[in-house]
PDB file of N, CA and C in Angstrom:
ATOM      1  N   MET A   1      50.333   1.206  46.973  1.00  0.00           N
ATOM      2  CA  MET A   1      51.194   0.858  46.179  1.00  0.00           C
ATOM      3  C   MET A   1      52.918   0.615  46.708  1.00  0.00           C
ATOM      4  N   ALA A   2      53.222   0.164  46.721  1.00  0.00           N
ATOM      5  CA  ALA A   2      54.850  -0.264  47.339  1.00  0.00           C
ATOM      6  C   ALA A   2      55.656   0.172  46.354  1.00  0.00           C
ATOM      7  N   SER A   3      56.955   0.727  47.055  1.00  0.00           N
ATOM      8  CA  SER A   3      58.016   1.566  46.254  1.00  0.00           C
ATOM      9  C   SER A   3      58.936   0.609  46.234  1.00  0.00           C
ATOM     10  N   THR A   4      60.172   0.586  45.246  1.00  0.00           N
ATOM     11  CA  THR A   4      60.890  -0.089  44.841  1.00  0.00           C
ATOM     12  C   THR A   4      62.209   0.898  45.889  1.00  0.00           C
ATOM     13  N   SER A   5      63.234   0.142  45.753  1.00  0.00           N
ATOM     14  CA  SER A   5      64.540   0.937  46.331  1.00  0.00           C
ATOM     15  C   SER A   5      64.722   2.214  46.059  1.00  0.00           C
ATOM     16  N   ASP A   6      64.323   2.470  44.534  1.00  0.00           N
ATOM     17  CA  ASP A   6      65.004   3.887  44.365  1.00  0.00           C
ATOM     18  C   ASP A   6      63.862   4.870  44.346  1.00  0.00           C
ATOM     19  N   GLY A   7      62.117   4.181  45.347  1.00  0.00           N
ATOM     20  CA  GLY A   7      61.129   5.252  45.596  1.00  0.00           C
ATOM     21  C   GLY A   7      60.323   5.021  44.324  1.00  0.00           C
ATOM     22  N   GLN A   8      60.670   4.202  43.237  1.00  0.00           N
ATOM     23  CA  GLN A   8      59.703   4.586  42.084  1.00  0.00           C
ATOM     24  C   GLN A   8      58.654   3.379  42.591  1.00  0.00           C
ATOM     25  N   ALA A   9      57.259   3.346  42.135  1.00  0.00           N
ATOM     26  CA  ALA A   9      56.527   2.210  41.884  1.00  0.00           C
ATOM     27  C   ALA A   9      56.604   1.360  41.064  1.00  0.00           C
ATOM     28  N   PRO A  10      56.658  -0.109  41.863  1.00  0.00           N
ATOM     29  CA  PRO A  10      57.139  -1.269  40.670  1.00  0.00           C
ATOM     30  C   PRO A  10      56.115  -1.379  39.522  1.00  0.00           C
ATOM     31  N   ALA A  11      56.990  -1.888  38.689  1.00  0.00           N
ATOM     32  CA  ALA A  11      56.379  -1.841  37.402  1.00  0.00           C
ATOM     33  C   ALA A  11      55.265  -2.871  37.439  1.00  0.00           C
ATOM     34  N   THR A  12      54.209  -2.601  36.806  1.00  0.00           N
ATOM     35  CA  THR A  12      53.013  -3.312  36.980  1.00  0.00           C
ATOM     36  C   THR A  12      52.389  -3.642  35.493  1.00  0.00           C
ATOM     37  N   CYS A  13      51.773  -4.894  35.169  1.00  0.00           N
ATOM     38  CA  CYS A  13      51.321  -5.599  34.353  1.00  0.00           C
ATOM     39  C   CYS A  13      50.092  -5.961  34.623  1.00  0.00           C
ATOM     40  N   SER A  14      48.743  -5.720  33.700  1.00  0.00           N
ATOM     41  CA  SER A  14      47.643  -5.932  34.174  1.00  0.00           C
ATOM     42  C   SER A  14      47.042  -7.152  32.879  1.00  0.00           C
ATOM     43  N   PHE A  15      45.781  -7.777  32.895  1.00  0.00           N
ATOM     44  CA  PHE A  15      45.496  -8.481  32.104  1.00  0.00           C
ATOM     45  C   PHE A  15      43.857  -8.182  31.731  1.00  0.00           C
ATOM     46  N   ASP A  16      43.597  -8.011  30.590  1.00  0.00           N
ATOM     47  CA  ASP A  16      42.211  -7.880  30.217  1.00  0.00           C
ATOM     48  C   ASP A  16      41.562  -9.444  29.864  1.00  0.00           C
ATOM     49  N   ASP A  17      41.217 -10.071  30.490  1.00  0.00           N
ATOM     50  CA  ASP A  17      40.591 -11.458  29.906  1.00  0.00           C
ATOM     51  C   ASP A  17      39.413 -11.265  28.831  1.00  0.00           C
ATOM     52  N   SER A  18      38.546 -10.215  29.140  1.00  0.00           N
ATOM     53  CA  SER A  18      37.537 -10.405  28.158  1.00  0.00           C
ATOM     54  C   SER A  18      38.251 -10.093  26.827  1.00  0.00           C
ATOM     55  N   ARG A  19      39.375  -9.295  26.567  1.00  0.00           N
ATOM     56  CA  ARG A  19      39.859  -8.976  24.973  1.00  0.00           C
ATOM     57  C   ARG A  19      41.252  -9.530  25.106  1.00  0.00           C
ATOM     58  N   GLN A  20      41.365 -10.628  25.925  1.00  0.00           N
ATOM     59  CA  GLN A  20      42.686 -11.252  25.919  1.00  0.00           C
ATOM     60  C   GLN A  20      44.223 -10.280  25.440  1.00  0.00           C
ATOM     61  N   ARG A  21      44.237  -9.059  26.241  1.00  0.00           N
ATOM     62  CA  ARG A  21      45.140  -8.513  25.909  1.00  0.00           C
ATOM     63  C   ARG A  21      45.941  -8.140  27.190  1.00  0.00           C
ATOM     64  N   ALA A  22      47.343  -7.522  27.268  1.00  0.00           N
ATOM     65  CA  ALA A  22      48.241  -7.438  28.501  1.00  0.00           C
ATOM     66  C   ALA A  22      48.223  -5.948  28.383  1.00  0.00           C
ATOM     67  N   LEU A  23      48.435  -5.202  29.559  1.00  0.00           N
ATOM     68  CA  LEU A  23      48.781  -3.853  29.666  1.00  0.00           C
ATOM     69  C   LEU A  23      49.630  -3.698  30.292  1.00  0.00           C
ATOM     70  N   TRP A  24      51.142  -3.010  29.677  1.00  0.00           N
ATOM     71  CA  TRP A  24      52.305  -2.976  30.724  1.00  0.00           C
ATOM     72  C   TRP A  24      52.485  -1.036  30.582  1.00  0.00           C
ATOM     73  N   ARG A  25      52.585  -0.875  31.915  1.00  0.00           N
ATOM     74  CA  ARG A  25      52.833   0.334  32.021  1.00  0.00           C
ATOM     75  C   ARG A  25      51.692   1.621  31.519  1.00  0.00           C
ATOM     76  N   GLY A  26      50.746   0.935  31.372  1.00  0.00           N
ATOM     77  CA  GLY A  26      49.541   1.422  30.589  1.00  0.00           C
ATOM     78  C   GLY A  26      49.647   1.589  28.754  1.00  0.00           C
ATOM     79  N   ARG A  27      50.555   0.658  28.415  1.00  0.00           N
ATOM     80  CA  ARG A  27      50.397   0.597  26.842  1.00  0.00           C
ATOM     81  C   ARG A  27      50.097  -0.998  26.763  1.00  0.00           C
ATOM     82  N   VAL A  28      49.229  -1.182  25.314  1.00  0.00           N
ATOM     83  CA  VAL A  28      48.910  -2.478  25.422  1.00  0.00           C
ATOM     84  C   VAL A  28      50.129  -3.319  24.291  1.00  0.00           C
ATOM     85  N   VAL A  29      50.139  -4.526  25.061  1.00  0.00           N
ATOM     86  CA  VAL A  29      51.288  -5.420  24.458  1.00  0.00           C
ATOM     87  C   VAL A  29      50.206  -6.559  23.867  1.00  0.00           C
ATOM     88  N   ASP A  30      50.408  -6.413  22.577  1.00  0.00           N
ATOM     89  CA  ASP A  30      49.769  -7.437  21.451  1.00  0.00           C
ATOM     90  C   ASP A  30      50.570  -8.755  21.553  1.00  0.00           C
ATOM     91  N   LEU A  31      49.694  -9.715  22.189  1.00  0.00           N
ATOM     92  CA  LEU A  31      50.222 -11.203  22.548  1.00  0.00           C
ATOM     93  C   LEU A  31      49.312 -11.962  21.624  1.00  0.00           C
ATOM     94  N   THR A  32      49.672 -13.200  21.269  1.00  0.00           N
ATOM     95  CA  THR A  32      49.072 -14.147  20.826  1.00  0.00           C
ATOM     96  C   THR A  32      48.122 -14.896  22.116  1.00  0.00           C
ATOM     97  N   HIS A  33      47.439 -15.803  21.888  1.00  0.00           N
ATOM     98  CA  HIS A  33      46.545 -16.493  22.777  1.00  0.00           C
ATOM     99  C   HIS A  33      47.766 -16.958  23.904  1.00  0.00           C
ATOM    100  N   SER A  34      48.453 -17.951  23.347  1.00  0.00           N
ATOM    101  CA  SER A  34      49.381 -18.623  24.506  1.00  0.00           C
ATOM    102  C   SER A  34      50.310 -17.758  24.875  1.00  0.00           C
ATOM    103  N   GLU A  35      51.083 -16.661  24.163  1.00  0.00           N
ATOM    104  CA  GLU A  35      51.651 -15.820  25.091  1.00  0.00           C
ATOM    105  C   GLU A  35      51.241 -15.180  26.057  1.00  0.00           C
ATOM    106  N   TYR A  36      49.777 -14.878  25.701  1.00  0.00           N
ATOM    107  CA  TYR A  36      48.940 -14.349  26.758  1.00  0.00           C
ATOM    108  C   TYR A  36      48.871 -15.182  28.347  1.00  0.00           C
ATOM    109  N   ARG A  37      48.511 -16.457  27.961  1.00  0.00           N
ATOM    110  CA  ARG A  37      48.452 -17.289  29.059  1.00  0.00           C
ATOM    111  C   ARG A  37      49.857 -17.354  29.858  1.00  0.00           C
ATOM    112  N   VAL A  38      50.946 -17.444  29.023  1.00  0.00           N
ATOM    113  CA  VAL A  38      52.360 -17.446  30.017  1.00  0.00           C
ATOM    114  C   VAL A  38      52.394 -16.351  30.446  1.00  0.00           C
ATOM    115  N   ALA A  39      52.323 -15.409  29.779  1.00  0.00           N
ATOM    116  CA  ALA A  39      53.024 -14.058  30.457  1.00  0.00           C
ATOM    117  C   ALA A  39      51.881 -14.035  31.723  1.00  0.00           C
ATOM    118  N   GLN A  40      50.646 -14.414  31.913  1.00  0.00           N
ATOM    119  CA  GLN A  40      49.941 -14.405  32.913  1.00  0.00           C
ATOM    120  C   GLN A  40      49.779 -15.214  34.148  1.00  0.00           C
ATOM    121  N   LEU A  41      50.315 -16.371  33.560  1.00  0.00           N
ATOM    122  CA  LEU A  41      51.190 -17.332  34.821  1.00  0.00           C
ATOM    123  C   LEU A  41      52.232 -16.635  35.394  1.00  0.00           C
ATOM    124  N   LEU A  42      53.099 -16.016  34.493  1.00  0.00           N
ATOM    125  CA  LEU A  42      54.466 -15.660  35.153  1.00  0.00           C
ATOM    126  C   LEU A  42      54.137 -14.438  36.195  1.00  0.00           C
ATOM    127  N   VAL A  43      53.194 -13.836  36.020  1.00  0.00           N
ATOM    128  CA  VAL A  43      53.031 -12.463  36.619  1.00  0.00           C
ATOM    129  C   VAL A  43      52.097 -12.753  38.034  1.00  0.00           C
ATOM    130  N   GLU A  44      51.273 -13.767  37.927  1.00  0.00           N
ATOM    131  CA  GLU A  44      50.392 -14.466  38.659  1.00  0.00           C
ATOM    132  C   GLU A  44      51.672 -15.142  39.974  1.00  0.00           C
ATOM    133  N   ARG A  45      52.594 -15.386  39.584  1.00  0.00           N
ATOM    134  CA  ARG A  45      53.448 -16.288  40.150  1.00  0.00           C
ATOM    135  C   ARG A  45      54.763 -15.179  40.491  1.00  0.00           C
ATOM    136  N   SER A  46      54.640 -14.030  40.341  1.00  0.00           N
ATOM    137  CA  SER A  46      55.816 -13.271  40.630  1.00  0.00           C
ATOM    138  C   SER A  46      56.573 -13.502  41.573  1.00  0.00           C
ATOM    139  N   GLY A  47      57.906 -13.351  41.528  1.00  0.00           N
ATOM    140  CA  GLY A  47      58.970 -13.538  42.564  1.00  0.00           C
ATOM    141  C   GLY A  47      59.116 -15.005  42.959  1.00  0.00           C
ATOM    142  N   HIS A  48      58.383 -16.008  42.291  1.00  0.00           N
ATOM    143  CA  HIS A  48      58.657 -17.396  42.223  1.00  0.00           C
ATOM    144  C   HIS A  48      59.154 -17.693  41.060  1.00  0.00           C
ATOM    145  N   ASP A  49      59.843 -18.999  41.046  1.00  0.00           N
ATOM    146  CA  ASP A  49      60.246 -19.595  39.615  1.00  0.00           C
ATOM    147  C   ASP A  49      59.146 -20.542  38.934  1.00  0.00           C
ATOM    148  N   THR A  50      59.177 -20.533  37.929  1.00  0.00           N
ATOM    149  CA  THR A  50      58.327 -21.363  37.113  1.00  0.00           C
ATOM    150  C   THR A  50      58.828 -22.171  36.163  1.00  0.00           C
ATOM    151  N   GLY A  51      58.868 -23.393  36.320  1.00  0.00           N
ATOM    152  CA  GLY A  51      59.590 -24.316  35.548  1.00  0.00           C
ATOM    153  C   GLY A  51      59.112 -24.539  33.913  1.00  0.00           C
ATOM    154  N   TYR A  52      60.101 -25.157  33.289  1.00  0.00           N
ATOM    155  CA  TYR A  52      59.777 -24.693  31.687  1.00  0.00           C
ATOM    156  C   TYR A  52      58.481 -25.859  31.576  1.00  0.00           C
ATOM    157  N   ARG A  53      58.818 -26.669  32.516  1.00  0.00           N
ATOM    158  CA  ARG A  53      57.602 -27.972  32.158  1.00  0.00           C
ATOM    159  C   ARG A  53      56.175 -27.176  32.876  1.00  0.00           C
ATOM    160  N   GLU A  54      56.256 -26.806  33.533  1.00  0.00           N
ATOM    161  CA  GLU A  54      54.678 -26.208  34.013  1.00  0.00           C
ATOM    162  C   GLU A  54      54.203 -25.145  32.860  1.00  0.00           C
ATOM    163  N   ILE A  55      55.422 -24.828  32.502  1.00  0.00           N
ATOM    164  CA  ILE A  55      54.914 -23.597  31.136  1.00  0.00           C
ATOM    165  C   ILE A  55      54.407 -24.208  30.286  1.00  0.00           C
ATOM    166  N   TYR A  56      55.203 -25.069  29.820  1.00  0.00           N
ATOM    167  CA  TYR A  56      54.720 -26.086  28.596  1.00  0.00           C
ATOM    168  C   TYR A  56      53.499 -26.759  28.705  1.00  0.00           C
ATOM    169  N   ASP A  57      53.223 -27.506  29.980  1.00  0.00           N
ATOM    170  CA  ASP A  57      52.305 -28.247  30.351  1.00  0.00           C
ATOM    171  C   ASP A  57      50.734 -27.332  30.245  1.00  0.00           C
ATOM    172  N   LEU A  58      50.948 -25.799  30.247  1.00  0.00           N
ATOM    173  CA  LEU A  58      49.671 -25.254  30.706  1.00  0.00           C
ATOM    174  C   LEU A  58      49.530 -24.754  29.432  1.00  0.00           C
ATOM    175  N   LEU A  59      50.201 -24.922  28.061  1.00  0.00           N
ATOM    176  CA  LEU A  59      49.975 -25.164  26.926  1.00  0.00           C
ATOM    177  C   LEU A  59      49.209 -26.056  26.106  1.00  0.00           C
ATOM    178  N   HIS A  60      49.975 -27.259  26.523  1.00  0.00           N
ATOM    179  CA  HIS A  60      49.611 -28.637  25.889  1.00  0.00           C
ATOM    180  C   HIS A  60      49.118 -29.637  26.639  1.00  0.00           C
ATOM    181  N   GLY A  61      49.011 -29.489  28.023  1.00  0.00           N
ATOM    182  CA  GLY A  61      48.678 -30.578  28.272  1.00  0.00           C
ATOM    183  C   GLY A  61      49.762 -31.215  29.227  1.00  0.00           C
ATOM    184  N   LYS A  62      49.741 -31.636  30.564  1.00  0.00           N
ATOM    185  CA  LYS A  62      50.652 -32.469  31.579  1.00  0.00           C
ATOM    186  C   LYS A  62      51.100 -33.613  30.914  1.00  0.00           C
ATOM    187  N   GLY A  63      52.314 -33.592  30.706  1.00  0.00           N
ATOM    188  CA  GLY A  63      53.243 -34.423  30.041  1.00  0.00           C
ATOM    189  C   GLY A  63      53.245 -34.854  28.571  1.00  0.00           C
ATOM    190  N   PHE A  64      52.618 -33.816  27.902  1.00  0.00           N
ATOM    191  CA  PHE A  64      52.934 -33.614  26.357  1.00  0.00           C
ATOM    192  C   PHE A  64      54.193 -33.613  26.178  1.00  0.00           C
ATOM    193  N   ARG A  65      54.715 -34.409  24.913  1.00  0.00           N
ATOM    194  CA  ARG A  65      56.017 -34.473  24.496  1.00  0.00           C
ATOM    195  C   ARG A  65      55.949 -33.989  22.999  1.00  0.00           C
ATOM    196  N   ALA A  66      57.367 -33.183  22.926  1.00  0.00           N
ATOM    197  CA  ALA A  66      57.384 -32.677  21.849  1.00  0.00           C
ATOM    198  C   ALA A  66      59.241 -32.622  21.634  1.00  0.00           C
ATOM    199  N   GLY A  67      59.492 -31.899  20.375  1.00  0.00           N
ATOM    200  CA  GLY A  67      61.169 -31.918  20.228  1.00  0.00           C
ATOM    201  C   GLY A  67      61.750 -33.138  20.208  1.00  0.00           C
ATOM    202  N   ALA A  68      63.016 -32.732  20.536  1.00  0.00           N
ATOM    203  CA  ALA A  68      64.193 -33.938  20.546  1.00  0.00           C
ATOM    204  C   ALA A  68      64.375 -34.368  21.925  1.00  0.00           C
ATOM    205  N   GLY A  69      64.123 -35.645  22.420  1.00  0.00           N
ATOM    206  CA  GLY A  69      64.401 -36.191  23.813  1.00  0.00           C
ATOM    207  C   GLY A  69      63.019 -35.926  24.634  1.00  0.00           C
ATOM    208  N   ASP A  70      63.753 -36.290  26.130  1.00  0.00           N
ATOM    209  CA  ASP A  70      62.922 -36.064  26.958  1.00  0.00           C
ATOM    210  C   ASP A  70      62.815 -34.719  27.437  1.00  0.00           C
ATOM    211  N   GLU A  71      63.751 -33.678  26.973  1.00  0.00           N
ATOM    212  CA  GLU A  71      63.699 -32.470  27.542  1.00  0.00           C
ATOM    213  C   GLU A  71      63.563 -31.293  26.119  1.00  0.00           C
ATOM    214  N   GLY A  72      63.011 -32.129  25.037  1.00  0.00           N
ATOM    215  CA  GLY A  72      63.153 -30.961  24.070  1.00  0.00           C
ATOM    216  C   GLY A  72      61.846 -30.000  23.912  1.00  0.00           C
ATOM    217  N   TYR A  73      61.021 -30.130  25.099  1.00  0.00           N
ATOM    218  CA  TYR A  73      60.171 -29.040  25.261  1.00  0.00           C
ATOM    219  C   TYR A  73      60.360 -27.575  25.487  1.00  0.00           C
ATOM    220  N   ARG A  74      61.714 -27.826  26.102  1.00  0.00           N
ATOM    221  CA  ARG A  74      62.389 -26.590  26.990  1.00  0.00           C
ATOM    222  C   ARG A  74      62.876 -25.533  25.551  1.00  0.00           C
ATOM    223  N   ALA A  75      63.230 -25.962  24.260  1.00  0.00           N
ATOM    224  CA  ALA A  75      63.556 -25.281  23.262  1.00  0.00           C
ATOM    225  C   ALA A  75      62.287 -24.571  22.748  1.00  0.00           C
ATOM    226  N   ASN A  76      60.936 -25.170  22.659  1.00  0.00           N
ATOM    227  CA  ASN A  76      59.867 -24.577  22.604  1.00  0.00           C
ATOM    228  C   ASN A  76      59.384 -23.518  23.634  1.00  0.00           C
ATOM    229  N   VAL A  77      59.511 -23.671  24.787  1.00  0.00           N
ATOM    230  CA  VAL A  77      59.494 -22.655  25.960  1.00  0.00           C
ATOM    231  C   VAL A  77      60.213 -21.574  25.864  1.00  0.00           C
ATOM    232  N   ARG A  78      61.976 -21.712  25.451  1.00  0.00           N
ATOM    233  CA  ARG A  78      62.802 -20.541  25.175  1.00  0.00           C
ATOM    234  C   ARG A  78      62.387 -19.700  24.229  1.00  0.00           C
ATOM    235  N   ALA A  79      61.803 -20.300  23.011  1.00  0.00           N
ATOM    236  CA  ALA A  79      61.528 -19.629  21.754  1.00  0.00           C
ATOM    237  C   ALA A  79      59.945 -18.543  22.039  1.00  0.00           C
ATOM    238  N   LEU A  80      59.167 -19.271  23.075  1.00  0.00           N
ATOM    239  CA  LEU A  80      57.948 -18.694  23.372  1.00  0.00           C
ATOM    240  C   LEU A  80      58.345 -17.308  24.188  1.00  0.00           C
ATOM    241  N   ILE A  81      59.070 -17.419  25.226  1.00  0.00           N
ATOM    242  CA  ILE A  81      59.275 -16.712  26.390  1.00  0.00           C
ATOM    243  C   ILE A  81      59.984 -15.334  25.229  1.00  0.00           C
ATOM    244  N   LYS A  82      60.990 -15.649  24.362  1.00  0.00           N
ATOM    245  CA  LYS A  82      61.891 -14.602  23.483  1.00  0.00           C
ATOM    246  C   LYS A  82      60.948 -13.611  22.908  1.00  0.00           C
ATOM    247  N   ARG A  83      59.773 -14.404  22.177  1.00  0.00           N
ATOM    248  CA  ARG A  83      58.811 -13.548  21.719  1.00  0.00           C
ATOM    249  C   ARG A  83      58.121 -12.696  22.384  1.00  0.00           C
ATOM    250  N   ILE A  84      57.584 -13.370  23.621  1.00  0.00           N
ATOM    251  CA  ILE A  84      57.054 -12.456  24.612  1.00  0.00           C
ATOM    252  C   ILE A  84      57.842 -11.290  25.490  1.00  0.00           C
ATOM    253  N   ARG A  85      59.069 -11.328  25.508  1.00  0.00           N
ATOM    254  CA  ARG A  85      60.163 -10.557  25.727  1.00  0.00           C
ATOM    255  C   ARG A  85      60.316  -9.184  24.580  1.00  0.00           C
ATOM    256  N   LYS A  86      60.416  -9.779  23.239  1.00  0.00           N
ATOM    257  CA  LYS A  86      60.238  -8.889  22.635  1.00  0.00           C
ATOM    258  C   LYS A  86      59.202  -7.829  22.383  1.00  0.00           C
ATOM    259  N   LYS A  87      57.887  -8.580  22.447  1.00  0.00           N
ATOM    260  CA  LYS A  87      56.806  -8.013  22.798  1.00  0.00           C
ATOM    261  C   LYS A  87      56.576  -6.681  23.779  1.00  0.00           C
ATOM    262  N   PHE A  88      56.902  -7.274  24.842  1.00  0.00           N
ATOM    263  CA  PHE A  88      56.974  -6.272  25.798  1.00  0.00           C
ATOM    264  C   PHE A  88      58.058  -5.011  25.715  1.00  0.00           C
ATOM    265  N   ARG A  89      59.137  -5.639  25.242  1.00  0.00           N
ATOM    266  CA  ARG A  89      60.195  -4.580  24.843  1.00  0.00           C
ATOM    267  C   ARG A  89      59.770  -3.448  23.786  1.00  0.00           C
ATOM    268  N   GLU A  90      58.856  -3.883  22.710  1.00  0.00           N
ATOM    269  CA  GLU A  90      58.514  -2.968  22.154  1.00  0.00           C
ATOM    270  C   GLU A  90      57.656  -1.929  22.659  1.00  0.00           C
ATOM    271  N   ALA A  91      56.961  -2.387  23.722  1.00  0.00           N
ATOM    272  CA  ALA A  91      55.948  -1.312  24.291  1.00  0.00           C
ATOM    273  C   ALA A  91      56.859  -0.484  25.376  1.00  0.00           C
ATOM    274  N   ASP A  92      58.090  -1.122  25.919  1.00  0.00           N
ATOM    275  CA  ASP A  92      59.216  -0.217  26.840  1.00  0.00           C
ATOM    276  C   ASP A  92      60.305  -1.077  26.863  1.00  0.00           C
ATOM    277  N   PRO A  93      61.221  -0.308  26.158  1.00  0.00           N
ATOM    278  CA  PRO A  93      62.762  -0.854  25.805  1.00  0.00           C
ATOM    279  C   PRO A  93      63.330  -1.431  26.966  1.00  0.00           C
ATOM    280  N   GLY A  94      63.066  -0.604  27.796  1.00  0.00           N
ATOM    281  CA  GLY A  94      63.864  -1.199  29.422  1.00  0.00           C
ATOM    282  C   GLY A  94      63.129  -2.249  30.078  1.00  0.00           C
ATOM    283  N   PHE A  95      62.213  -2.928  29.671  1.00  0.00           N
ATOM    284  CA  PHE A  95      61.488  -4.033  29.916  1.00  0.00           C
ATOM    285  C   PHE A  95      62.482  -5.676  30.185  1.00  0.00           C
ATOM    286  N   ASP A  96      62.703  -5.948  31.741  1.00  0.00           N
ATOM    287  CA  ASP A  96      63.660  -6.819  32.040  1.00  0.00           C
ATOM    288  C   ASP A  96      63.152  -7.852  33.178  1.00  0.00           C
ATOM    289  N   GLN A  97      61.482  -7.849  33.198  1.00  0.00           N
ATOM    290  CA  GLN A  97      61.197  -8.357  34.685  1.00  0.00           C
ATOM    291  C   GLN A  97      61.133 -10.004  34.100  1.00  0.00           C
ATOM    292  N   ILE A  98      61.470 -10.503  33.018  1.00  0.00           N
ATOM    293  CA  ILE A  98      61.384 -11.811  32.895  1.00  0.00           C
ATOM    294  C   ILE A  98      63.000 -12.255  32.927  1.00  0.00           C
ATOM    295  N   VAL A  99      63.322 -12.882  33.903  1.00  0.00           N
ATOM    296  CA  VAL A  99      64.562 -13.554  34.281  1.00  0.00           C
ATOM    297  C   VAL A  99      64.629 -14.848  34.122  1.00  0.00           C
ATOM    298  N   ASN A 100      65.754 -15.254  33.507  1.00  0.00           N
ATOM    299  CA  ASN A 100      66.013 -17.007  33.668  1.00  0.00           C
ATOM    300  C   ASN A 100      66.350 -17.282  34.666  1.00  0.00           C
ATOM    301  N   ARG A 101      66.023 -18.459  34.597  1.00  0.00           N
ATOM    302  CA  ARG A 101      66.501 -19.011  35.982  1.00  0.00           C
ATOM    303  C   ARG A 101      67.122 -20.748  35.716  1.00  0.00           C
ATOM    304  N   PRO A 102      68.270 -20.438  35.123  1.00  0.00           N
ATOM    305  CA  PRO A 102      69.268 -21.347  34.519  1.00  0.00           C
ATOM    306  C   PRO A 102      68.827 -22.999  35.112  1.00  0.00           C
ATOM    307  N   GLY A 103      68.497 -23.693  33.926  1.00  0.00           N
ATOM    308  CA  GLY A 103      68.510 -25.159  34.391  1.00  0.00           C
ATOM    309  C   GLY A 103      67.027 -25.480  34.859  1.00  0.00           C
ATOM    310  N   TYR A 104      65.988 -24.589  35.013  1.00  0.00           N
ATOM    311  CA  TYR A 104      64.871 -24.527  35.614  1.00  0.00           C
ATOM    312  C   TYR A 104      63.767 -24.048  35.168  1.00  0.00           C
ATOM    313  N   GLY A 105      63.849 -22.540  34.707  1.00  0.00           N
ATOM    314  CA  GLY A 105      62.730 -22.060  34.127  1.00  0.00           C
ATOM    315  C   GLY A 105      63.010 -20.469  33.940  1.00  0.00           C
ATOM    316  N   TYR A 106      61.738 -19.983  34.479  1.00  0.00           N
ATOM    317  CA  TYR A 106      61.718 -18.230  34.548  1.00  0.00           C
ATOM    318  C   TYR A 106      61.276 -17.990  35.435  1.00  0.00           C
ATOM    319  N   ARG A 107      61.225 -16.677  36.043  1.00  0.00           N
ATOM    320  CA  ARG A 107      61.087 -15.753  37.126  1.00  0.00           C
ATOM    321  C   ARG A 107      60.554 -14.337  36.747  1.00  0.00           C
ATOM    322  N   TRP A 108      59.171 -14.236  36.907  1.00  0.00           N
ATOM    323  CA  TRP A 108      58.696 -12.664  36.532  1.00  0.00           C
ATOM    324  C   TRP A 108      59.226 -11.658  38.002  1.00  0.00           C
ATOM    325  N   THR A 109      59.969 -10.544  37.515  1.00  0.00           N
ATOM    326  CA  THR A 109      60.418  -9.989  39.215  1.00  0.00           C
ATOM    327  C   THR A 109      59.636  -8.578  39.049  1.00  0.00           C
ATOM    328  N   ASN A 110      59.399  -8.080  40.061  1.00  0.00           N
ATOM    329  CA  ASN A 110      58.428  -6.703  39.929  1.00  0.00           C
ATOM    330  C   ASN A 110      59.519  -5.571  40.261  1.00  0.00           C
ATOM    331  N   SER A 111      60.695  -5.754  40.208  1.00  0.00           N
ATOM    332  CA  SER A 111      61.881  -4.408  40.220  1.00  0.00           C
ATOM    333  C   SER A 111      61.548  -3.876  38.923  1.00  0.00           C
ATOM    334  N   GLY A 112      61.873  -2.364  39.344  1.00  0.00           N
ATOM    335  CA  GLY A 112      61.929  -1.659  37.829  1.00  0.00           C
ATOM    336  C   GLY A 112      61.138  -0.770  37.765  1.00  0.00           C
TER     337      GLY A 112
END
């Protein structure tokens, strides 16, 4: 396993598809089905930006419209990410792997 600049192993998240549960640093993170799918997408794309639309399309299908105007889906994605962060922080108060990519979406980082 690689190390971070401070010599510690990078933070890890694993997924148990058979039980639809996430494990963060050995702790179970209780996620809904939608939250699980989004967290898994972000981890799979770790280190790369994932757009609001890509996240929304994962859950609702390509091009589905919701909310006010053409960009209304962004509020739904922001609320979903807020819930995911909260649940990971319940397992680890120092959790900060999901970072905002202003105007675009989110990125899962391997730091920490």
